[in-house]
Amino acid sequence: MASVLAWPLVACGAPATREAPQQSEAQRLEKFAVSQCLQRAFPDTSFGADARRASGAYVELGSADADVYGEIAALVGTHLAKPYQSKSGEPLHVMQCLDLLQSPALATLVKPYR
């Protein structure tokens, strides 16, 4: 599990320079999940790089058990393995990442932090 967690932490970049808005640990974990999803959905782009930095910032700001970040990262991989496509056949990555917020599996992982 440590190696799964290591890559989000290595990719953190600089710490957040502004104070984050007041939010619960569950909200931070959900936002971590979405940012993980976006960084994987848009690799090698400036958008993906920004999502990677956001993901790292949520880890830095968080106080959840380290294992939950690895579990969320694994869930994101499973979620992205079933791609969304529009009627025209174009990918719907942003929609897919936003829908992750409604995932029962994510709700289960985040529930102890509510």
PDB file of N, CA and C in Angstrom:
ATOM      1  N   MET A   1       0.827  -1.191   0.000  1.00  0.00           N
ATOM      2  CA  MET A   1       0.000   0.000   0.000  1.00  0.00           C
ATOM      3  C   MET A   1       0.871   1.254   0.000  1.00  0.00           C
ATOM      4  N   ALA A   2       2.043   1.178   0.595  1.00  0.00           N
ATOM      5  CA  ALA A   2       2.902   2.359   0.682  1.00  0.00           C
ATOM      6  C   ALA A   2       3.283   2.889  -0.687  1.00  0.00           C
ATOM      7  N   SER A   3       3.536   1.992  -1.654  1.00  0.00           N
ATOM      8  CA  SER A   3       3.920   2.467  -2.989  1.00  0.00           C
ATOM      9  C   SER A   3       2.763   3.149  -3.688  1.00  0.00           C
ATOM     10  N   VAL A   4       1.541   2.712  -3.443  1.00  0.00           N
ATOM     11  CA  VAL A   4       0.377   3.366  -4.029  1.00  0.00           C
ATOM     12  C   VAL A   4       0.247   4.780  -3.491  1.00  0.00           C
ATOM     13  N   LEU A   5       0.542   4.946  -2.216  1.00  0.00           N
ATOM     14  CA  LEU A   5       0.417   6.254  -1.599  1.00  0.00           C
ATOM     15  C   LEU A   5       1.585   7.154  -1.962  1.00  0.00           C
ATOM     16  N   ALA A   6       2.724   6.580  -2.234  1.00  0.00           N
ATOM     17  CA  ALA A   6       3.913   7.386  -2.480  1.00  0.00           C
ATOM     18  C   ALA A   6       3.764   8.290  -3.689  1.00  0.00           C
ATOM     19  N   TRP A   7       3.171   7.811  -4.773  1.00  0.00           N
ATOM     20  CA  TRP A   7       3.117   8.647  -5.977  1.00  0.00           C
ATOM     21  C   TRP A   7       2.268   9.885  -5.803  1.00  0.00           C
ATOM     22  N   PRO A   8       1.123   9.871  -5.074  1.00  0.00           N
ATOM     23  CA  PRO A   8       0.434  11.154  -4.909  1.00  0.00           C
ATOM     24  C   PRO A   8       1.255  12.135  -4.078  1.00  0.00           C
ATOM     25  N   LEU A   9       1.999  11.617  -3.120  1.00  0.00           N
ATOM     26  CA  LEU A   9       2.774  12.506  -2.267  1.00  0.00           C
ATOM     27  C   LEU A   9       3.981  13.065  -3.000  1.00  0.00           C
ATOM     28  N   VAL A  10       4.600  12.273  -3.845  1.00  0.00           N
ATOM     29  CA  VAL A  10       5.738  12.748  -4.625  1.00  0.00           C
ATOM     30  C   VAL A  10       5.283  13.837  -5.581  1.00  0.00           C
ATOM     31  N   ALA A  11       4.069  13.710  -6.086  1.00  0.00           N
ATOM     32  CA  ALA A  11       3.557  14.644  -7.079  1.00  0.00           C
ATOM     33  C   ALA A  11       2.958  15.900  -6.467  1.00  0.00           C
ATOM     34  N   CYS A  12       3.113  16.087  -5.176  1.00  0.00           N
ATOM     35  CA  CYS A  12       2.475  17.206  -4.497  1.00  0.00           C
ATOM     36  C   CYS A  12       2.895  18.561  -5.040  1.00  0.00           C
ATOM     37  N   GLY A  13       4.160  18.740  -5.305  1.00  0.00           N
ATOM     38  CA  GLY A  13       4.616  20.069  -5.710  1.00  0.00           C
ATOM     39  C   GLY A  13       4.664  20.980  -4.498  1.00  0.00           C
ATOM     40  N   ALA A  14       4.537  22.246  -4.735  1.00  0.00           N
ATOM     41  CA  ALA A  14       4.598  23.230  -3.662  1.00  0.00           C
ATOM     42  C   ALA A  14       3.338  23.163  -2.809  1.00  0.00           C
ATOM     43  N   PRO A  15       3.473  23.430  -1.524  1.00  0.00           N
ATOM     44  CA  PRO A  15       2.290  23.450  -0.669  1.00  0.00           C
ATOM     45  C   PRO A  15       1.348  24.579  -1.066  1.00  0.00           C
ATOM     46  N   ALA A  16       0.111  24.447  -0.679  1.00  0.00           N
ATOM     47  CA  ALA A  16      -0.875  25.477  -0.976  1.00  0.00           C
ATOM     48  C   ALA A  16      -0.415  26.806  -0.383  1.00  0.00           C
ATOM     49  N   THR A  17      -0.486  27.866  -1.161  1.00  0.00           N
ATOM     50  CA  THR A  17       0.011  29.160  -0.696  1.00  0.00           C
ATOM     51  C   THR A  17      -1.083  29.992  -0.053  1.00  0.00           C
ATOM     52  N   ARG A  18      -2.302  29.690  -0.321  1.00  0.00           N
ATOM     53  CA  ARG A  18      -3.416  30.412   0.291  1.00  0.00           C
ATOM     54  C   ARG A  18      -4.150  29.473   1.228  1.00  0.00           C
ATOM     55  N   GLU A  19      -4.763  30.028   2.206  1.00  0.00           N
ATOM     56  CA  GLU A  19      -5.511  29.216   3.144  1.00  0.00           C
ATOM     57  C   GLU A  19      -6.734  28.635   2.452  1.00  0.00           C
ATOM     58  N   ALA A  20      -6.906  27.340   2.591  1.00  0.00           N
ATOM     59  CA  ALA A  20      -8.046  26.662   1.976  1.00  0.00           C
ATOM     60  C   ALA A  20      -9.317  27.001   2.746  1.00  0.00           C
ATOM     61  N   PRO A  21     -10.450  27.016   2.056  1.00  0.00           N
ATOM     62  CA  PRO A  21     -11.707  27.274   2.762  1.00  0.00           C
ATOM     63  C   PRO A  21     -11.980  26.184   3.793  1.00  0.00           C
ATOM     64  N   GLN A  22     -12.719  26.535   4.800  1.00  0.00           N
ATOM     65  CA  GLN A  22     -13.076  25.586   5.841  1.00  0.00           C
ATOM     66  C   GLN A  22     -13.886  24.456   5.217  1.00  0.00           C
ATOM     67  N   GLN A  23     -13.445  23.238   5.414  1.00  0.00           N
ATOM     68  CA  GLN A  23     -14.159  22.087   4.886  1.00  0.00           C
ATOM     69  C   GLN A  23     -13.894  20.874   5.765  1.00  0.00           C
ATOM     70  N   SER A  24     -14.792  19.927   5.693  1.00  0.00           N
ATOM     71  CA  SER A  24     -14.635  18.726   6.499  1.00  0.00           C
ATOM     72  C   SER A  24     -13.599  17.807   5.856  1.00  0.00           C
ATOM     73  N   GLU A  25     -13.115  16.862   6.634  1.00  0.00           N
ATOM     74  CA  GLU A  25     -12.171  15.876   6.105  1.00  0.00           C
ATOM     75  C   GLU A  25     -12.818  15.072   4.983  1.00  0.00           C
ATOM     76  N   ALA A  26     -14.101  14.766   5.122  1.00  0.00           N
ATOM     77  CA  ALA A  26     -14.813  14.030   4.070  1.00  0.00           C
ATOM     78  C   ALA A  26     -14.827  14.831   2.770  1.00  0.00           C
ATOM     79  N   GLN A  27     -15.054  16.120   2.856  1.00  0.00           N
ATOM     80  CA  GLN A  27     -15.051  16.959   1.656  1.00  0.00           C
ATOM     81  C   GLN A  27     -13.670  16.989   1.011  1.00  0.00           C
ATOM     82  N   ARG A  28     -12.630  17.068   1.832  1.00  0.00           N
ATOM     83  CA  ARG A  28     -11.264  17.049   1.284  1.00  0.00           C
ATOM     84  C   ARG A  28     -10.984  15.727   0.574  1.00  0.00           C
ATOM     85  N   LEU A  29     -11.435  14.627   1.151  1.00  0.00           N
ATOM     86  CA  LEU A  29     -11.220  13.317   0.532  1.00  0.00           C
ATOM     87  C   LEU A  29     -11.976  13.205  -0.796  1.00  0.00           C
ATOM     88  N   GLU A  30     -13.187  13.736  -0.834  1.00  0.00           N
ATOM     89  CA  GLU A  30     -13.953  13.717  -2.087  1.00  0.00           C
ATOM     90  C   GLU A  30     -13.254  14.560  -3.156  1.00  0.00           C
ATOM     91  N   LYS A  31     -12.758  15.708  -2.768  1.00  0.00           N
ATOM     92  CA  LYS A  31     -12.050  16.567  -3.719  1.00  0.00           C
ATOM     93  C   LYS A  31     -10.728  15.925  -4.140  1.00  0.00           C
ATOM     94  N   PHE A  32     -10.082  15.221  -3.235  1.00  0.00           N
ATOM     95  CA  PHE A  32      -8.889  14.460  -3.579  1.00  0.00           C
ATOM     96  C   PHE A  32      -9.235  13.441  -4.661  1.00  0.00           C
ATOM     97  N   ALA A  33     -10.361  12.752  -4.505  1.00  0.00           N
ATOM     98  CA  ALA A  33     -10.775  11.744  -5.491  1.00  0.00           C
ATOM     99  C   ALA A  33     -10.990  12.373  -6.863  1.00  0.00           C
ATOM    100  N   VAL A  34     -11.685  13.492  -6.908  1.00  0.00           N
ATOM    101  CA  VAL A  34     -11.943  14.154  -8.192  1.00  0.00           C
ATOM    102  C   VAL A  34     -10.637  14.641  -8.817  1.00  0.00           C
ATOM    103  N   SER A  35      -9.756  15.219  -8.009  1.00  0.00           N
ATOM    104  CA  SER A  35      -8.499  15.703  -8.573  1.00  0.00           C
ATOM    105  C   SER A  35      -7.632  14.542  -9.060  1.00  0.00           C
ATOM    106  N   GLN A  36      -7.654  13.421  -8.362  1.00  0.00           N
ATOM    107  CA  GLN A  36      -6.947  12.226  -8.832  1.00  0.00           C
ATOM    108  C   GLN A  36      -7.504  11.772 -10.177  1.00  0.00           C
ATOM    109  N   CYS A  37      -8.810  11.780 -10.283  1.00  0.00           N
ATOM    110  CA  CYS A  37      -9.478  11.368 -11.513  1.00  0.00           C
ATOM    111  C   CYS A  37      -9.101  12.293 -12.670  1.00  0.00           C
ATOM    112  N   LEU A  38      -9.148  13.578 -12.440  1.00  0.00           N
ATOM    113  CA  LEU A  38      -8.838  14.539 -13.498  1.00  0.00           C
ATOM    114  C   LEU A  38      -7.378  14.454 -13.938  1.00  0.00           C
ATOM    115  N   GLN A  39      -6.474  14.255 -12.986  1.00  0.00           N
ATOM    116  CA  GLN A  39      -5.064  14.170 -13.371  1.00  0.00           C
ATOM    117  C   GLN A  39      -4.811  12.936 -14.216  1.00  0.00           C
ATOM    118  N   ARG A  40      -5.517  11.854 -13.938  1.00  0.00           N
ATOM    119  CA  ARG A  40      -5.335  10.639 -14.739  1.00  0.00           C
ATOM    120  C   ARG A  40      -6.065  10.729 -16.076  1.00  0.00           C
ATOM    121  N   ALA A  41      -7.179  11.432 -16.095  1.00  0.00           N
ATOM    122  CA  ALA A  41      -7.958  11.559 -17.325  1.00  0.00           C
ATOM    123  C   ALA A  41      -7.289  12.492 -18.327  1.00  0.00           C
ATOM    124  N   PHE A  42      -6.484  13.423 -17.836  1.00  0.00           N
ATOM    125  CA  PHE A  42      -5.833  14.413 -18.697  1.00  0.00           C
ATOM    126  C   PHE A  42      -4.319  14.417 -18.476  1.00  0.00           C
ATOM    127  N   PRO A  43      -3.664  13.266 -18.667  1.00  0.00           N
ATOM    128  CA  PRO A  43      -2.218  13.210 -18.437  1.00  0.00           C
ATOM    129  C   PRO A  43      -1.473  14.072 -19.453  1.00  0.00           C
ATOM    130  N   ASP A  44      -0.328  14.505 -19.070  1.00  0.00           N
ATOM    131  CA  ASP A  44       0.549  15.271 -19.971  1.00  0.00           C
ATOM    132  C   ASP A  44      -0.091  16.547 -20.512  1.00  0.00           C
ATOM    133  N   THR A  45      -0.963  17.152 -19.696  1.00  0.00           N
ATOM    134  CA  THR A  45      -1.558  18.438 -20.058  1.00  0.00           C
ATOM    135  C   THR A  45      -1.381  19.379 -18.869  1.00  0.00           C
ATOM    136  N   SER A  46      -1.505  20.663 -19.114  1.00  0.00           N
ATOM    137  CA  SER A  46      -1.406  21.608 -18.002  1.00  0.00           C
ATOM    138  C   SER A  46      -2.589  21.423 -17.039  1.00  0.00           C
ATOM    139  N   PHE A  47      -3.740  21.038 -17.576  1.00  0.00           N
ATOM    140  CA  PHE A  47      -4.904  20.774 -16.725  1.00  0.00           C
ATOM    141  C   PHE A  47      -4.624  19.592 -15.801  1.00  0.00           C
ATOM    142  N   GLY A  48      -4.047  18.535 -16.346  1.00  0.00           N
ATOM    143  CA  GLY A  48      -3.699  17.371 -15.538  1.00  0.00           C
ATOM    144  C   GLY A  48      -2.656  17.703 -14.483  1.00  0.00           C
ATOM    145  N   ALA A  49      -1.689  18.551 -14.844  1.00  0.00           N
ATOM    146  CA  ALA A  49      -0.663  18.964 -13.886  1.00  0.00           C
ATOM    147  C   ALA A  49      -1.277  19.773 -12.745  1.00  0.00           C
ATOM    148  N   ASP A  50      -2.226  20.637 -13.068  1.00  0.00           N
ATOM    149  CA  ASP A  50      -2.907  21.414 -12.041  1.00  0.00           C
ATOM    150  C   ASP A  50      -3.711  20.486 -11.128  1.00  0.00           C
ATOM    151  N   ALA A  51      -4.383  19.506 -11.714  1.00  0.00           N
ATOM    152  CA  ALA A  51      -5.142  18.531 -10.919  1.00  0.00           C
ATOM    153  C   ALA A  51      -4.203  17.747  -9.996  1.00  0.00           C
ATOM    154  N   ARG A  52      -3.012  17.417 -10.479  1.00  0.00           N
ATOM    155  CA  ARG A  52      -2.020  16.704  -9.663  1.00  0.00           C
ATOM    156  C   ARG A  52      -1.597  17.560  -8.467  1.00  0.00           C
ATOM    157  N   ARG A  53      -1.384  18.845  -8.704  1.00  0.00           N
ATOM    158  CA  ARG A  53      -1.022  19.742  -7.601  1.00  0.00           C
ATOM    159  C   ARG A  53      -2.166  19.859  -6.592  1.00  0.00           C
ATOM    160  N   ALA A  54      -3.383  19.935  -7.091  1.00  0.00           N
ATOM    161  CA  ALA A  54      -4.543  19.998  -6.202  1.00  0.00           C
ATOM    162  C   ALA A  54      -4.642  18.727  -5.364  1.00  0.00           C
ATOM    163  N   SER A  55      -4.420  17.596  -5.999  1.00  0.00           N
ATOM    164  CA  SER A  55      -4.452  16.319  -5.290  1.00  0.00           C
ATOM    165  C   SER A  55      -3.448  16.311  -4.147  1.00  0.00           C
ATOM    166  N   GLY A  56      -2.245  16.769  -4.428  1.00  0.00           N
ATOM    167  CA  GLY A  56      -1.223  16.836  -3.392  1.00  0.00           C
ATOM    168  C   GLY A  56      -1.587  17.788  -2.278  1.00  0.00           C
ATOM    169  N   ALA A  57      -2.194  18.895  -2.629  1.00  0.00           N
ATOM    170  CA  ALA A  57      -2.600  19.870  -1.612  1.00  0.00           C
ATOM    171  C   ALA A  57      -3.655  19.282  -0.685  1.00  0.00           C
ATOM    172  N   TYR A  58      -4.585  18.494  -1.229  1.00  0.00           N
ATOM    173  CA  TYR A  58      -5.592  17.866  -0.366  1.00  0.00           C
ATOM    174  C   TYR A  58      -4.953  16.869   0.590  1.00  0.00           C
ATOM    175  N   VAL A  59      -3.902  16.192   0.147  1.00  0.00           N
ATOM    176  CA  VAL A  59      -3.183  15.288   1.051  1.00  0.00           C
ATOM    177  C   VAL A  59      -2.506  16.102   2.145  1.00  0.00           C
ATOM    178  N   GLU A  60      -1.843  17.185   1.768  1.00  0.00           N
ATOM    179  CA  GLU A  60      -1.143  18.028   2.737  1.00  0.00           C
ATOM    180  C   GLU A  60      -2.093  18.619   3.768  1.00  0.00           C
ATOM    181  N   LEU A  61      -3.264  19.038   3.320  1.00  0.00           N
ATOM    182  CA  LEU A  61      -4.231  19.668   4.217  1.00  0.00           C
ATOM    183  C   LEU A  61      -5.001  18.656   5.058  1.00  0.00           C
ATOM    184  N   GLY A  62      -5.011  17.407   4.608  1.00  0.00           N
ATOM    185  CA  GLY A  62      -5.833  16.386   5.248  1.00  0.00           C
ATOM    186  C   GLY A  62      -5.231  15.790   6.502  1.00  0.00           C
ATOM    187  N   SER A  63      -6.089  15.106   7.221  1.00  0.00           N
ATOM    188  CA  SER A  63      -5.662  14.406   8.433  1.00  0.00           C
ATOM    189  C   SER A  63      -6.176  12.969   8.451  1.00  0.00           C
ATOM    190  N   ALA A  64      -6.641  12.485   7.303  1.00  0.00           N
ATOM    191  CA  ALA A  64      -7.151  11.116   7.210  1.00  0.00           C
ATOM    192  C   ALA A  64      -6.000  10.125   7.287  1.00  0.00           C
ATOM    193  N   ASP A  65      -6.328   8.885   7.614  1.00  0.00           N
ATOM    194  CA  ASP A  65      -5.336   7.817   7.617  1.00  0.00           C
ATOM    195  C   ASP A  65      -4.710   7.705   6.233  1.00  0.00           C
ATOM    196  N   ALA A  66      -3.426   7.442   6.185  1.00  0.00           N
ATOM    197  CA  ALA A  66      -2.707   7.353   4.912  1.00  0.00           C
ATOM    198  C   ALA A  66      -3.312   6.312   3.976  1.00  0.00           C
ATOM    199  N   ASP A  67      -3.790   5.221   4.519  1.00  0.00           N
ATOM    200  CA  ASP A  67      -4.335   4.150   3.684  1.00  0.00           C
ATOM    201  C   ASP A  67      -5.533   4.589   2.855  1.00  0.00           C
ATOM    202  N   VAL A  68      -6.330   5.509   3.370  1.00  0.00           N
ATOM    203  CA  VAL A  68      -7.533   5.909   2.644  1.00  0.00           C
ATOM    204  C   VAL A  68      -7.176   6.599   1.326  1.00  0.00           C
ATOM    205  N   TYR A  69      -6.060   7.318   1.292  1.00  0.00           N
ATOM    206  CA  TYR A  69      -5.652   7.957   0.038  1.00  0.00           C
ATOM    207  C   TYR A  69      -5.308   6.907  -1.016  1.00  0.00           C
ATOM    208  N   GLY A  70      -4.630   5.861  -0.604  1.00  0.00           N
ATOM    209  CA  GLY A  70      -4.322   4.765  -1.521  1.00  0.00           C
ATOM    210  C   GLY A  70      -5.571   4.042  -1.983  1.00  0.00           C
ATOM    211  N   GLU A  71      -6.521   3.854  -1.077  1.00  0.00           N
ATOM    212  CA  GLU A  71      -7.778   3.199  -1.439  1.00  0.00           C
ATOM    213  C   GLU A  71      -8.570   4.055  -2.421  1.00  0.00           C
ATOM    214  N   ILE A  72      -8.575   5.349  -2.211  1.00  0.00           N
ATOM    215  CA  ILE A  72      -9.269   6.253  -3.131  1.00  0.00           C
ATOM    216  C   ILE A  72      -8.578   6.237  -4.491  1.00  0.00           C
ATOM    217  N   ALA A  73      -7.248   6.261  -4.503  1.00  0.00           N
ATOM    218  CA  ALA A  73      -6.506   6.215  -5.768  1.00  0.00           C
ATOM    219  C   ALA A  73      -6.831   4.937  -6.532  1.00  0.00           C
ATOM    220  N   ALA A  74      -6.926   3.818  -5.837  1.00  0.00           N
ATOM    221  CA  ALA A  74      -7.285   2.551  -6.489  1.00  0.00           C
ATOM    222  C   ALA A  74      -8.707   2.610  -7.038  1.00  0.00           C
ATOM    223  N   LEU A  75      -9.620   3.192  -6.269  1.00  0.00           N
ATOM    224  CA  LEU A  75     -11.005   3.346  -6.723  1.00  0.00           C
ATOM    225  C   LEU A  75     -11.077   4.192  -7.984  1.00  0.00           C
ATOM    226  N   VAL A  76     -10.294   5.259  -8.038  1.00  0.00           N
ATOM    227  CA  VAL A  76     -10.269   6.119  -9.228  1.00  0.00           C
ATOM    228  C   VAL A  76      -9.850   5.309 -10.447  1.00  0.00           C
ATOM    229  N   GLY A  77      -8.840   4.474 -10.295  1.00  0.00           N
ATOM    230  CA  GLY A  77      -8.401   3.634 -11.406  1.00  0.00           C
ATOM    231  C   GLY A  77      -9.500   2.720 -11.896  1.00  0.00           C
ATOM    232  N   THR A  78     -10.232   2.119 -10.975  1.00  0.00           N
ATOM    233  CA  THR A  78     -11.351   1.249 -11.333  1.00  0.00           C
ATOM    234  C   THR A  78     -12.450   2.043 -12.028  1.00  0.00           C
ATOM    235  N   HIS A  79     -12.723   3.228 -11.505  1.00  0.00           N
ATOM    236  CA  HIS A  79     -13.781   4.079 -12.062  1.00  0.00           C
ATOM    237  C   HIS A  79     -13.439   4.506 -13.492  1.00  0.00           C
ATOM    238  N   LEU A  80     -12.198   4.863 -13.728  1.00  0.00           N
ATOM    239  CA  LEU A  80     -11.785   5.311 -15.062  1.00  0.00           C
ATOM    240  C   LEU A  80     -11.664   4.163 -16.060  1.00  0.00           C
ATOM    241  N   ALA A  81     -11.623   2.939 -15.573  1.00  0.00           N
ATOM    242  CA  ALA A  81     -11.504   1.777 -16.461  1.00  0.00           C
ATOM    243  C   ALA A  81     -12.770   1.558 -17.292  1.00  0.00           C
ATOM    244  N   LYS A  82     -13.859   2.206 -16.897  1.00  0.00           N
ATOM    245  CA  LYS A  82     -15.128   2.107 -17.627  1.00  0.00           C
ATOM    246  C   LYS A  82     -15.429   3.480 -18.219  1.00  0.00           C
ATOM    247  N   PRO A  83     -14.830   3.787 -19.387  1.00  0.00           N
ATOM    248  CA  PRO A  83     -14.929   5.152 -19.930  1.00  0.00           C
ATOM    249  C   PRO A  83     -16.354   5.563 -20.306  1.00  0.00           C
ATOM    250  N   TYR A  84     -16.608   6.844 -20.135  1.00  0.00           N
ATOM    251  CA  TYR A  84     -17.849   7.461 -20.572  1.00  0.00           C
ATOM    252  C   TYR A  84     -17.627   7.977 -21.995  1.00  0.00           C
ATOM    253  N   GLN A  85     -18.659   7.850 -22.827  1.00  0.00           N
ATOM    254  CA  GLN A  85     -18.594   8.408 -24.173  1.00  0.00           C
ATOM    255  C   GLN A  85     -19.890   9.135 -24.490  1.00  0.00           C
ATOM    256  N   SER A  86     -19.752  10.230 -25.213  1.00  0.00           N
ATOM    257  CA  SER A  86     -20.930  10.972 -25.661  1.00  0.00           C
ATOM    258  C   SER A  86     -21.574  10.217 -26.818  1.00  0.00           C
ATOM    259  N   LYS A  87     -22.722  10.661 -27.237  1.00  0.00           N
ATOM    260  CA  LYS A  87     -23.407  10.029 -28.371  1.00  0.00           C
ATOM    261  C   LYS A  87     -22.565  10.078 -29.633  1.00  0.00           C
ATOM    262  N   SER A  88     -21.711  11.097 -29.739  1.00  0.00           N
ATOM    263  CA  SER A  88     -20.853  11.213 -30.919  1.00  0.00           C
ATOM    264  C   SER A  88     -19.577  10.381 -30.783  1.00  0.00           C
ATOM    265  N   GLY A  89     -19.398   9.731 -29.632  1.00  0.00           N
ATOM    266  CA  GLY A  89     -18.232   8.898 -29.417  1.00  0.00           C
ATOM    267  C   GLY A  89     -17.064   9.588 -28.734  1.00  0.00           C
ATOM    268  N   GLU A  90     -17.210  10.873 -28.439  1.00  0.00           N
ATOM    269  CA  GLU A  90     -16.151  11.622 -27.766  1.00  0.00           C
ATOM    270  C   GLU A  90     -16.131  11.265 -26.269  1.00  0.00           C
ATOM    271  N   PRO A  91     -14.953  11.272 -25.667  1.00  0.00           N
ATOM    272  CA  PRO A  91     -14.882  10.964 -24.232  1.00  0.00           C
ATOM    273  C   PRO A  91     -15.494  12.069 -23.380  1.00  0.00           C
ATOM    274  N   LEU A  92     -16.024  11.659 -22.239  1.00  0.00           N
ATOM    275  CA  LEU A  92     -16.626  12.591 -21.273  1.00  0.00           C
ATOM    276  C   LEU A  92     -15.890  12.451 -19.937  1.00  0.00           C
ATOM    277  N   HIS A  93     -14.603  12.768 -19.948  1.00  0.00           N
ATOM    278  CA  HIS A  93     -13.776  12.575 -18.761  1.00  0.00           C
ATOM    279  C   HIS A  93     -14.218  13.428 -17.573  1.00  0.00           C
ATOM    280  N   VAL A  94     -14.535  14.688 -17.817  1.00  0.00           N
ATOM    281  CA  VAL A  94     -14.932  15.558 -16.705  1.00  0.00           C
ATOM    282  C   VAL A  94     -16.221  15.038 -16.073  1.00  0.00           C
ATOM    283  N   MET A  95     -17.175  14.662 -16.899  1.00  0.00           N
ATOM    284  CA  MET A  95     -18.431  14.116 -16.373  1.00  0.00           C
ATOM    285  C   MET A  95     -18.157  12.857 -15.541  1.00  0.00           C
ATOM    286  N   GLN A  96     -17.278  12.015 -16.052  1.00  0.00           N
ATOM    287  CA  GLN A  96     -16.948  10.784 -15.350  1.00  0.00           C
ATOM    288  C   GLN A  96     -16.333  11.088 -13.982  1.00  0.00           C
ATOM    289  N   CYS A  97     -15.438  12.058 -13.943  1.00  0.00           N
ATOM    290  CA  CYS A  97     -14.806  12.406 -12.671  1.00  0.00           C
ATOM    291  C   CYS A  97     -15.784  13.048 -11.697  1.00  0.00           C
ATOM    292  N   LEU A  98     -16.678  13.861 -12.198  1.00  0.00           N
ATOM    293  CA  LEU A  98     -17.699  14.458 -11.323  1.00  0.00           C
ATOM    294  C   LEU A  98     -18.662  13.394 -10.803  1.00  0.00           C
ATOM    295  N   ASP A  99     -19.012  12.432 -11.644  1.00  0.00           N
ATOM    296  CA  ASP A  99     -19.907  11.353 -11.218  1.00  0.00           C
ATOM    297  C   ASP A  99     -19.274  10.469 -10.147  1.00  0.00           C
ATOM    298  N   LEU A 100     -17.961  10.468 -10.074  1.00  0.00           N
ATOM    299  CA  LEU A 100     -17.274   9.717  -9.027  1.00  0.00           C
ATOM    300  C   LEU A 100     -17.751  10.156  -7.640  1.00  0.00           C
ATOM    301  N   LEU A 101     -18.127  11.425  -7.517  1.00  0.00           N
ATOM    302  CA  LEU A 101     -18.624  11.937  -6.236  1.00  0.00           C
ATOM    303  C   LEU A 101     -19.863  11.197  -5.756  1.00  0.00           C
ATOM    304  N   GLN A 102     -20.622  10.630  -6.676  1.00  0.00           N
ATOM    305  CA  GLN A 102     -21.856   9.914  -6.324  1.00  0.00           C
ATOM    306  C   GLN A 102     -21.631   8.412  -6.183  1.00  0.00           C
ATOM    307  N   SER A 103     -20.402   7.980  -6.293  1.00  0.00           N
ATOM    308  CA  SER A 103     -20.074   6.561  -6.223  1.00  0.00           C
ATOM    309  C   SER A 103     -20.328   6.001  -4.823  1.00  0.00           C
ATOM    310  N   PRO A 104     -21.096   4.915  -4.733  1.00  0.00           N
ATOM    311  CA  PRO A 104     -21.288   4.282  -3.421  1.00  0.00           C
ATOM    312  C   PRO A 104     -19.962   3.823  -2.808  1.00  0.00           C
ATOM    313  N   ALA A 105     -19.021   3.401  -3.636  1.00  0.00           N
ATOM    314  CA  ALA A 105     -17.729   2.956  -3.119  1.00  0.00           C
ATOM    315  C   ALA A 105     -16.967   4.123  -2.485  1.00  0.00           C
ATOM    316  N   LEU A 106     -17.015   5.299  -3.116  1.00  0.00           N
ATOM    317  CA  LEU A 106     -16.369   6.471  -2.528  1.00  0.00           C
ATOM    318  C   LEU A 106     -17.075   6.861  -1.235  1.00  0.00           C
ATOM    319  N   ALA A 107     -18.390   6.810  -1.227  1.00  0.00           N
ATOM    320  CA  ALA A 107     -19.146   7.145  -0.017  1.00  0.00           C
ATOM    321  C   ALA A 107     -18.740   6.240   1.148  1.00  0.00           C
ATOM    322  N   THR A 108     -18.502   4.979   0.866  1.00  0.00           N
ATOM    323  CA  THR A 108     -18.084   4.034   1.904  1.00  0.00           C
ATOM    324  C   THR A 108     -16.713   4.399   2.459  1.00  0.00           C
ATOM    325  N   LEU A 109     -15.783   4.774   1.575  1.00  0.00           N
ATOM    326  CA  LEU A 109     -14.436   5.138   2.021  1.00  0.00           C
ATOM    327  C   LEU A 109     -14.431   6.431   2.843  1.00  0.00           C
ATOM    328  N   VAL A 110     -15.305   7.355   2.489  1.00  0.00           N
ATOM    329  CA  VAL A 110     -15.327   8.677   3.110  1.00  0.00           C
ATOM    330  C   VAL A 110     -16.186   8.690   4.387  1.00  0.00           C
ATOM    331  N   LYS A 111     -17.105   7.770   4.501  1.00  0.00           N
ATOM    332  CA  LYS A 111     -18.062   7.767   5.621  1.00  0.00           C
ATOM    333  C   LYS A 111     -17.432   7.913   7.007  1.00  0.00           C
ATOM    334  N   PRO A 112     -16.334   7.234   7.312  1.00  0.00           N
ATOM    335  CA  PRO A 112     -15.759   7.396   8.657  1.00  0.00           C
ATOM    336  C   PRO A 112     -15.278   8.820   8.972  1.00  0.00           C
ATOM    337  N   TYR A 113     -15.142   9.652   7.950  1.00  0.00           N
ATOM    338  CA  TYR A 113     -14.640  11.009   8.138  1.00  0.00           C
ATOM    339  C   TYR A 113     -15.753  12.056   8.118  1.00  0.00           C
ATOM    340  N   ARG A 114     -16.986  11.616   8.096  1.00  0.00           N
ATOM    341  CA  ARG A 114     -18.130  12.537   8.113  1.00  0.00           C
ATOM    342  C   ARG A 114     -18.421  12.983   9.515  1.00  0.00           C
TER     343      ARG A 114
END
